């Protein structure tokens, strides 16, 4: 009996003696695996531990499938958040403007420097046509004028002589006409001779010719029809005065004389003022010979001033057939509207000439696109805020970009202050 018991003890002891060593090894492996998360799953799988309380031994294929599932779950848990949560009030406060994804027109452009100058067809020189002295200057630099408004008054002996000659010819003509009417009555009564009637008729004709000559001389000196009609009632002291009128409406941009200055002939100044109508102005572009074949009259030009927010759109009206000797560039003239007077002659601008255009089914403004990592993204409006959406871009210009994939027509996206959305997205990513 003792022998049987001793034999049974000897059979069991080797097994129980080795069991604590095995348990210690397993415990150490589990501890190491817990410190290294990527290794934990491998160790647990290799040792056959399941998530439950029991122990299960997996085959090689089952262990690989289980590890793949765990890696997919892990990657989905660590996926980047793509939503930037903002309320409507926060969007308004941040100054974020929205616009739909829609069809647009892309344009190929060239950018060239330019200078604003007055429209040559809208400039008038106020000049004198006689020797005179400046008696009054009724307009100063920058003043607005209307057509036929008096801008200056001259005093001239020449105009006084011409007016006197006209008045004398007019009086002579009226007298000769009365004499002819009297001689005609006498001729009808057979009291006067035919020779006397013919002399009276000849005198009337000569007086009329002299009156016409005196009238044309006044026109040449700048006297208007209305002023000539008022000459018989004008005081003699005003015969030497001559009004100078504006030939067109505009603004005084230059004044050449002062009060009391002698003007007119004999190498004296003949120009008093320069009037320019600046409601429309020209922009002179300097186009290089390489770009010149692409430029044509009638093309649209967008004009922007350095450091200024406003823009203007005009059309090319003239292309010079000759190149400048010094710059070897061609003079190209575009016309733009200037109703508010923002475009001052002499201003330096840069001009964008639209060469060709083509439409794209899906476009977004260039300001809507941001770069996150290696991806181009836009922020699509959602119920919670904005969703970061990666997009594939096609052709683009300085205004819009074609979108090949990533968004659908009609989706609303942020088009301004998108850098703030990008910063908020990166902040949320760092916190996660």
Protein backbone atom coordinates (compact mmCIF):
# COMPACT_ATOMS: atom_id res chain seq x y z
CA UNK A 1 0.00 0.00 0.00
CA UNK A 2 2.79 2.42 0.86
CA UNK A 3 4.56 1.31 -2.23
CA UNK A 4 1.57 2.27 -4.40
CA UNK A 5 1.27 5.61 -2.73
CA UNK A 6 4.96 6.34 -3.16
CA UNK A 7 4.83 5.42 -6.82
CA UNK A 8 1.80 7.67 -7.40
CA UNK A 9 3.61 10.53 -5.66
CA UNK A 10 6.67 10.07 -7.80
CA UNK A 11 4.52 10.19 -11.00
CA UNK A 12 2.77 13.40 -10.01
CA UNK A 13 5.73 15.30 -8.55
CA UNK A 14 7.61 15.88 -11.81
CA UNK A 15 4.50 17.48 -13.29
CA UNK A 16 3.72 19.70 -10.33
CA UNK A 17 7.33 20.66 -9.92
CA UNK A 18 7.52 22.07 -13.37
CA UNK A 19 4.10 23.86 -13.35
CA UNK A 20 5.17 26.96 -11.30
CA UNK A 21 8.00 27.63 -13.75
CA UNK A 22 5.58 27.63 -16.71
CA UNK A 23 3.13 29.93 -14.90
CA UNK A 24 5.88 32.41 -14.10
CA UNK A 25 6.98 32.54 -17.74
CA UNK A 26 3.42 33.20 -18.90
CA UNK A 27 2.97 36.00 -16.35
CA UNK A 28 6.19 37.69 -17.44
CA UNK A 29 5.15 37.53 -21.11
CA UNK A 30 1.79 39.08 -20.40
CA UNK A 31 3.41 41.92 -18.41
CA UNK A 32 5.83 42.72 -21.23
CA UNK A 33 3.01 42.63 -23.78
CA UNK A 34 0.97 45.07 -21.75
CA UNK A 35 3.83 47.58 -21.83
CA UNK A 36 4.15 47.35 -25.64
CA UNK A 37 0.62 47.71 -27.12
CA UNK A 38 1.44 46.53 -30.64
CA UNK A 39 3.09 43.47 -29.17
CA UNK A 40 0.21 42.76 -26.80
CA UNK A 41 -2.11 41.38 -29.46
CA UNK A 42 0.62 39.19 -30.92
CA UNK A 43 1.57 37.77 -27.56
CA UNK A 44 -2.01 37.20 -26.55
CA UNK A 45 -2.75 35.50 -29.84
CA UNK A 46 0.39 33.40 -29.68
CA UNK A 47 -0.45 32.31 -26.17
CA UNK A 48 -4.04 31.58 -27.13
CA UNK A 49 -5.68 34.05 -24.74
CA UNK A 50 -9.16 35.14 -25.67
CA UNK A 51 -11.02 38.19 -24.47
CA UNK A 52 -13.11 36.05 -22.12
CA UNK A 53 -12.09 34.36 -18.92
CA UNK A 54 -11.33 31.02 -20.53
CA UNK A 55 -8.32 29.87 -22.55
CA UNK A 56 -8.61 29.04 -26.26
CA UNK A 57 -5.97 27.80 -28.68
CA UNK A 58 -6.25 29.40 -32.21
CA UNK A 59 -4.94 27.93 -35.38
CA UNK A 60 -2.40 29.91 -37.48
CA UNK A 61 -5.02 31.15 -40.01
CA UNK A 62 -7.47 32.09 -37.26
CA UNK A 63 -4.75 34.06 -35.45
CA UNK A 64 -3.89 36.01 -38.61
CA UNK A 65 -7.56 36.83 -39.29
CA UNK A 66 -8.05 37.97 -35.72
CA UNK A 67 -4.98 40.23 -35.85
CA UNK A 68 -6.17 41.82 -39.15
CA UNK A 69 -9.59 42.54 -37.66
CA UNK A 70 -7.96 44.14 -34.64
CA UNK A 71 -5.74 46.31 -36.88
CA UNK A 72 -8.80 47.52 -38.87
CA UNK A 73 -10.61 48.36 -35.65
CA UNK A 74 -7.56 50.18 -34.35
CA UNK A 75 -7.16 52.23 -37.54
CA UNK A 76 -10.85 53.19 -37.54
CA UNK A 77 -10.55 54.35 -33.96
CA UNK A 78 -7.55 56.59 -34.82
CA UNK A 79 -9.07 58.11 -38.02
CA UNK A 80 -8.72 61.91 -38.30
CA UNK A 81 -11.83 63.89 -37.34
CA UNK A 82 -13.21 65.67 -40.42
CA UNK A 83 -15.92 67.87 -38.87
CA UNK A 84 -15.36 71.39 -37.60
CA UNK A 85 -18.35 72.12 -35.40
CA UNK A 86 -19.68 75.69 -35.69
CA UNK A 87 -23.10 77.21 -35.13
CA UNK A 88 -24.74 79.68 -37.47
CA UNK A 89 -23.92 82.55 -35.11
CA UNK A 90 -20.27 81.49 -34.94
CA UNK A 91 -20.08 81.33 -38.74
CA UNK A 92 -21.45 84.86 -39.03
CA UNK A 93 -19.15 86.14 -36.30
CA UNK A 94 -16.13 84.60 -38.03
CA UNK A 95 -17.01 86.35 -41.30
CA UNK A 96 -17.22 83.08 -43.24
CA UNK A 97 -19.10 83.49 -46.50
CA UNK A 98 -20.79 80.57 -48.24
CA UNK A 99 -21.32 79.77 -51.91
CA UNK A 100 -22.54 76.75 -53.87
CA UNK A 101 -20.38 74.53 -56.03
CA UNK A 102 -21.48 75.39 -59.55
CA UNK A 103 -20.53 75.73 -63.19
CA UNK A 104 -17.98 78.41 -64.01
CA UNK A 105 -15.90 79.91 -66.79
CA UNK A 106 -12.12 79.65 -66.68
CA UNK A 107 -10.02 82.22 -68.51
CA UNK A 108 -6.44 82.26 -69.73
CA UNK A 109 -4.95 85.64 -68.84
CA UNK A 110 -1.81 87.70 -69.10
CA UNK A 111 -0.89 90.38 -66.54
CA UNK A 112 0.85 93.56 -67.72
CA UNK A 113 1.64 96.94 -66.12
CA UNK A 114 -0.31 100.03 -67.08
CA UNK A 115 -0.80 103.74 -66.45
CA UNK A 116 -4.07 105.67 -66.18
CA UNK A 117 -4.24 108.64 -68.59
CA UNK A 118 -7.06 110.95 -69.69
CA UNK A 119 -9.11 109.89 -72.69
CA UNK A 120 -7.65 111.93 -75.55
CA UNK A 121 -11.14 112.29 -77.04
CA UNK A 122 -12.35 113.94 -73.83
CA UNK A 123 -9.69 116.67 -73.46
CA UNK A 124 -10.28 120.28 -74.53
CA UNK A 125 -7.88 123.24 -74.61
CA UNK A 126 -9.35 126.65 -73.82
CA UNK A 127 -7.39 129.00 -76.08
CA UNK A 128 -7.65 132.64 -77.13
CA UNK A 129 -7.78 133.83 -80.72
CA UNK A 130 -6.76 137.47 -80.25
CA UNK A 131 -4.27 139.67 -78.45
CA UNK A 132 -5.71 140.52 -75.05
CA UNK A 133 -5.19 140.85 -71.32
CA UNK A 134 -6.74 138.49 -68.75
CA UNK A 135 -9.34 140.59 -66.88
CA UNK A 136 -11.08 137.77 -64.94
CA UNK A 137 -10.40 134.13 -64.11
CA UNK A 138 -13.65 132.56 -62.99
CA UNK A 139 -12.42 128.97 -62.58
CA UNK A 140 -9.61 127.40 -60.61
CA UNK A 141 -7.84 124.06 -60.80
CA UNK A 142 -10.16 121.17 -60.03
CA UNK A 143 -13.36 123.12 -60.61
CA UNK A 144 -16.09 121.50 -62.65
CA UNK A 145 -17.42 123.28 -65.71
CA UNK A 146 -20.27 122.80 -68.14
CA UNK A 147 -20.23 123.37 -71.86
CA UNK A 148 -20.41 127.09 -72.87
CA UNK A 149 -19.88 128.27 -69.29
CA UNK A 150 -17.74 131.43 -68.99
CA UNK A 151 -14.35 130.50 -67.50
CA UNK A 152 -12.47 133.78 -68.10
CA UNK A 153 -12.94 137.35 -69.37
CA UNK A 154 -10.43 139.15 -71.62
CA UNK A 155 -9.98 142.79 -72.53
CA UNK A 156 -8.80 143.43 -76.09
CA UNK A 157 -8.54 146.40 -78.43
CA UNK A 158 -8.77 143.96 -81.31
CA UNK A 159 -12.17 142.69 -80.26
CA UNK A 160 -13.34 146.25 -79.60
CA UNK A 161 -12.36 147.22 -83.17
CA UNK A 162 -14.11 144.19 -84.59
CA UNK A 163 -17.31 144.90 -82.68
CA UNK A 164 -17.22 148.56 -83.72
CA UNK A 165 -16.73 147.58 -87.34
CA UNK A 166 -19.70 145.26 -87.13
CA UNK A 167 -21.92 147.88 -85.55
CA UNK A 168 -20.92 150.41 -88.20
CA UNK A 169 -21.60 147.95 -91.02
CA UNK A 170 -24.94 147.10 -89.49
CA UNK A 171 -25.92 150.76 -89.22
CA UNK A 172 -24.79 151.46 -92.79
CA UNK A 173 -26.75 148.52 -94.06
CA UNK A 174 -29.93 149.66 -92.34
CA UNK A 175 -29.50 153.21 -93.73
CA UNK A 176 -28.89 152.00 -97.29
CA UNK A 177 -31.88 149.72 -97.02
CA UNK A 178 -34.10 152.67 -96.05
CA UNK A 179 -32.73 154.73 -98.98
CA UNK A 180 -33.42 151.90 -101.39
CA UNK A 181 -37.00 151.56 -100.14
CA UNK A 182 -37.54 155.31 -100.62
CA UNK A 183 -36.02 155.32 -104.14
CA UNK A 184 -38.16 152.36 -105.09
CA UNK A 185 -41.31 154.22 -104.07
CA UNK A 186 -40.22 157.23 -106.11
CA UNK A 187 -39.43 155.02 -109.07
CA UNK A 188 -42.90 153.51 -108.88
CA UNK A 189 -44.35 157.03 -108.98
CA UNK A 190 -42.07 157.93 -111.88
CA UNK A 191 -40.45 160.66 -109.83
CA UNK A 192 -36.93 159.20 -109.49
CA UNK A 193 -34.82 157.89 -112.29
CA UNK A 194 -33.94 154.23 -112.84
CA UNK A 195 -30.23 155.05 -112.41
CA UNK A 196 -30.87 156.36 -108.91
CA UNK A 197 -32.76 153.19 -108.01
CA UNK A 198 -29.92 151.02 -109.26
CA UNK A 199 -27.37 153.01 -107.22
CA UNK A 200 -29.47 152.51 -104.09
CA UNK A 201 -29.76 148.79 -104.75
CA UNK A 202 -25.97 148.53 -105.25
CA UNK A 203 -25.34 150.34 -101.96
CA UNK A 204 -27.64 147.94 -100.08
CA UNK A 205 -25.81 144.96 -101.55
CA UNK A 206 -22.35 146.31 -100.63
CA UNK A 207 -23.51 147.14 -97.10
CA UNK A 208 -24.79 143.60 -96.69
CA UNK A 209 -21.45 142.16 -97.83
CA UNK A 210 -19.54 144.36 -95.37
CA UNK A 211 -21.90 143.35 -92.56
CA UNK A 212 -21.35 139.66 -93.32
CA UNK A 213 -17.56 140.15 -93.32
CA UNK A 214 -17.67 141.96 -89.97
CA UNK A 215 -19.89 139.21 -88.60
CA UNK A 216 -17.51 136.45 -89.69
CA UNK A 217 -14.58 138.33 -88.12
CA UNK A 218 -16.39 138.30 -84.76
CA UNK A 219 -17.01 134.57 -85.10
CA UNK A 220 -13.30 134.06 -85.76
CA UNK A 221 -12.47 135.94 -82.56
CA UNK A 222 -14.75 133.68 -80.53
CA UNK A 223 -17.84 135.88 -80.24
CA UNK A 224 -21.02 133.79 -80.25
CA UNK A 225 -24.22 134.39 -82.20
CA UNK A 226 -26.04 135.34 -79.04
CA UNK A 227 -23.37 137.89 -78.11
CA UNK A 228 -23.45 139.42 -81.60
CA UNK A 229 -27.23 139.85 -81.40
CA UNK A 230 -26.83 141.67 -78.07
CA UNK A 231 -24.13 144.10 -79.34
CA UNK A 232 -26.49 146.99 -80.29
CA UNK A 233 -27.72 147.18 -76.67
CA UNK A 234 -24.34 146.65 -75.05
CA UNK A 235 -22.64 149.60 -73.29
CA UNK A 236 -19.63 151.03 -75.09
CA UNK A 237 -17.37 150.24 -72.12
CA UNK A 238 -18.05 146.53 -72.61
CA UNK A 239 -17.05 146.46 -76.26
CA UNK A 240 -13.45 145.62 -75.34
CA UNK A 241 -14.44 142.70 -73.10
CA UNK A 242 -14.60 139.19 -74.46
CA UNK A 243 -15.99 136.12 -72.61
CA UNK A 244 -14.04 132.88 -72.90
CA UNK A 245 -16.32 129.82 -72.72
CA UNK A 246 -15.70 126.15 -72.03
CA UNK A 247 -15.88 124.08 -75.21
CA UNK A 248 -17.09 121.02 -73.27
CA UNK A 249 -18.07 119.82 -69.81
CA UNK A 250 -15.46 118.42 -67.45
CA UNK A 251 -12.97 119.57 -64.83
CA UNK A 252 -10.17 122.12 -64.93
CA UNK A 253 -6.98 120.03 -64.81
CA UNK A 254 -4.50 122.75 -65.82
CA UNK A 255 -4.29 126.56 -65.81
CA UNK A 256 -1.60 128.31 -67.82
CA UNK A 257 -2.10 132.04 -67.05
CA UNK A 258 -2.62 134.41 -64.13
CA UNK A 259 -4.81 137.45 -63.71
CA UNK A 260 -3.57 140.38 -65.80
CA UNK A 261 -1.37 138.25 -68.06
CA UNK A 262 -1.00 139.23 -71.71
CA UNK A 263 -2.11 136.47 -74.04
CA UNK A 264 -2.59 135.94 -77.72
CA UNK A 265 -0.29 136.37 -80.67
CA UNK A 266 3.37 137.46 -80.93
CA UNK A 267 4.78 134.43 -79.04
CA UNK A 268 2.44 134.97 -76.10
CA UNK A 269 0.55 132.20 -74.32
CA UNK A 270 -2.62 131.28 -76.19
CA UNK A 271 -3.89 128.49 -73.91
CA UNK A 272 -5.73 129.45 -70.72
CA UNK A 273 -7.10 126.18 -69.33
CA UNK A 274 -7.15 122.45 -70.00
CA UNK A 275 -10.49 120.75 -69.42
CA UNK A 276 -10.76 116.98 -69.12
CA UNK A 277 -13.85 114.83 -68.88
CA UNK A 278 -12.72 112.04 -66.53
CA UNK A 279 -15.98 110.06 -66.48
CA UNK A 280 -14.11 107.67 -68.75
CA UNK A 281 -10.33 107.30 -68.84
CA UNK A 282 -7.73 105.34 -70.75
CA UNK A 283 -5.26 102.81 -69.41
CA UNK A 284 -2.06 102.53 -71.43
CA UNK A 285 -0.67 98.98 -71.25
CA UNK A 286 2.90 97.99 -72.02
CA UNK A 287 2.64 94.61 -73.76
CA UNK A 288 5.74 92.61 -74.60
CA UNK A 289 6.29 91.40 -78.19
CA UNK A 290 5.82 87.77 -77.11
CA UNK A 291 2.35 88.49 -75.70
CA UNK A 292 1.32 90.94 -78.42
CA UNK A 293 0.00 88.25 -80.85
CA UNK A 294 -2.47 87.17 -78.13
CA UNK A 295 -3.92 90.66 -77.66
CA UNK A 296 -6.75 91.93 -79.84
CA UNK A 297 -9.05 94.94 -79.87
CA UNK A 298 -12.28 94.29 -78.02
CA UNK A 299 -10.77 91.93 -75.44
CA UNK A 300 -11.78 92.40 -71.81
CA UNK A 301 -9.27 93.97 -69.42
CA UNK A 302 -9.48 93.91 -65.62
CA UNK A 303 -7.68 96.84 -63.96
CA UNK A 304 -6.48 96.88 -60.33
CA UNK A 305 -4.61 99.63 -58.51
CA UNK A 306 -1.65 98.89 -56.27
CA UNK A 307 -2.79 98.87 -52.65
CA UNK A 308 -6.40 99.77 -53.48
CA UNK A 309 -9.45 97.57 -53.16
CA UNK A 310 -11.53 98.72 -56.11
CA UNK A 311 -11.39 97.18 -59.56
CA UNK A 312 -12.54 98.19 -63.04
CA UNK A 313 -13.34 96.26 -66.20
CA UNK A 314 -12.89 97.72 -69.68
CA UNK A 315 -12.06 96.82 -73.26
CA UNK A 316 -9.05 97.28 -75.51
CA UNK A 317 -9.72 100.07 -78.03
CA UNK A 318 -6.32 100.54 -79.68
CA UNK A 319 -3.15 98.52 -80.36
CA UNK A 320 -0.16 100.45 -81.65
CA UNK A 321 1.45 99.02 -84.79
CA UNK A 322 4.85 100.24 -83.57
CA UNK A 323 7.06 99.23 -80.63
CA UNK A 324 8.65 101.66 -78.22
CA UNK A 325 12.35 102.20 -79.03
CA UNK A 326 13.47 102.07 -75.40
CA UNK A 327 11.22 99.44 -73.81
CA UNK A 328 10.55 97.42 -77.00
CA UNK A 329 6.95 97.02 -75.83
CA UNK A 330 3.75 97.85 -77.66
CA UNK A 331 1.34 100.58 -76.53
CA UNK A 332 -2.09 99.09 -75.99
CA UNK A 333 -4.97 101.33 -74.86
CA UNK A 334 -7.97 100.13 -72.86
CA UNK A 335 -10.97 102.26 -71.92
CA UNK A 336 -12.62 102.02 -68.48
CA UNK A 337 -15.45 103.85 -66.75
CA UNK A 338 -14.62 106.32 -63.98
CA UNK A 339 -17.94 107.67 -62.65
CA UNK A 340 -16.65 108.03 -59.08
CA UNK A 341 -13.30 109.55 -60.04
CA UNK A 342 -11.33 106.73 -58.38
CA UNK A 343 -8.98 106.32 -61.34
CA UNK A 344 -6.74 109.36 -61.39
CA UNK A 345 -4.52 110.00 -64.42
CA UNK A 346 -0.93 109.11 -63.65
CA UNK A 347 -1.81 106.17 -61.38
CA UNK A 348 0.18 102.97 -61.88
CA UNK A 349 -1.98 99.86 -62.22
CA UNK A 350 -1.66 96.22 -63.22
CA UNK A 351 -4.00 94.92 -65.88
CA UNK A 352 -5.23 91.42 -66.58
CA UNK A 353 -6.09 90.71 -70.22
CA UNK A 354 -8.45 87.79 -70.83
CA UNK A 355 -7.10 85.78 -73.77
CA UNK A 356 -9.47 82.81 -73.97
CA UNK A 357 -12.25 81.23 -71.94
CA UNK A 358 -13.78 77.79 -71.44
CA UNK A 359 -16.49 76.51 -69.12
CA UNK A 360 -16.14 73.85 -66.42
CA UNK A 361 -19.07 71.86 -64.93
CA UNK A 362 -17.84 72.18 -61.31
CA UNK A 363 -15.83 75.11 -59.99
CA UNK A 364 -15.01 76.61 -56.60
CA UNK A 365 -13.45 79.98 -55.76
CA UNK A 366 -9.69 79.91 -55.28
CA UNK A 367 -10.17 81.35 -51.78
CA UNK A 368 -12.12 78.22 -50.78
CA UNK A 369 -9.17 75.86 -51.27
CA UNK A 370 -6.73 75.00 -48.49
CA UNK A 371 -3.83 72.55 -48.24
CA UNK A 372 -3.84 69.97 -45.44
CA UNK A 373 -0.84 67.68 -45.63
CA UNK A 374 -0.54 66.71 -49.28
CA UNK A 375 -4.26 67.13 -49.99
CA UNK A 376 -6.23 70.04 -51.41
CA UNK A 377 -9.40 70.41 -49.35
CA UNK A 378 -12.56 72.48 -49.13
CA UNK A 379 -14.92 72.82 -46.20
CA UNK A 380 -18.47 71.70 -47.00
CA UNK A 381 -21.33 73.12 -44.93
CA UNK A 382 -23.14 70.51 -42.82
CA UNK A 383 -25.76 70.57 -40.09
CA UNK A 384 -23.03 70.55 -37.44
CA UNK A 385 -20.64 72.97 -39.07
CA UNK A 386 -18.14 72.18 -41.84
CA UNK A 387 -16.78 68.92 -43.18
CA UNK A 388 -13.21 68.79 -44.49
CA UNK A 389 -13.43 67.29 -47.98
CA UNK A 390 -10.44 66.34 -50.11
CA UNK A 391 -10.84 67.40 -53.75
CA UNK A 392 -9.11 66.73 -57.04
CA UNK A 393 -8.49 69.94 -58.95
CA UNK A 394 -8.26 70.58 -62.67
CA UNK A 395 -7.42 73.82 -64.43
CA UNK A 396 -7.79 77.16 -62.71
CA UNK A 397 -7.14 80.88 -62.93
CA UNK A 398 -6.72 83.58 -60.31
CA UNK A 399 -10.45 83.49 -59.52
CA UNK A 400 -11.76 79.94 -59.64
CA UNK A 401 -10.59 76.33 -59.92
CA UNK A 402 -12.13 73.40 -61.71
CA UNK A 403 -13.01 70.44 -59.43
CA UNK A 404 -12.78 66.94 -60.92
CA UNK A 405 -13.78 64.95 -57.82
CA UNK A 406 -14.62 65.41 -54.15
CA UNK A 407 -17.74 67.58 -54.22
CA UNK A 408 -21.10 67.63 -55.98
CA UNK A 409 -22.93 70.42 -57.77
CA UNK A 410 -25.06 72.45 -55.40
CA UNK A 411 -23.13 71.64 -52.23
CA UNK A 412 -22.46 74.72 -50.10
CA UNK A 413 -18.86 75.44 -49.17
CA UNK A 414 -16.96 78.14 -47.28
CA UNK A 415 -15.33 80.64 -49.62
CA UNK A 416 -13.81 83.20 -47.23
CA UNK A 417 -11.76 82.88 -44.04
CA UNK A 418 -11.16 79.23 -44.84
CA UNK A 419 -7.73 79.43 -43.24
CA UNK A 420 -9.51 79.87 -39.89
CA UNK A 421 -11.41 76.63 -40.55
CA UNK A 422 -8.15 74.89 -41.39
CA UNK A 423 -6.58 76.13 -38.15
CA UNK A 424 -9.58 74.93 -36.14
CA UNK A 425 -9.42 71.54 -37.82
CA UNK A 426 -5.71 71.15 -37.05
CA UNK A 427 -6.35 72.21 -33.46
CA UNK A 428 -9.03 69.53 -33.03
CA UNK A 429 -6.72 66.98 -34.62
CA UNK A 430 -3.92 67.82 -32.18
CA UNK A 431 -6.24 67.55 -29.20
CA UNK A 432 -7.48 64.12 -30.34
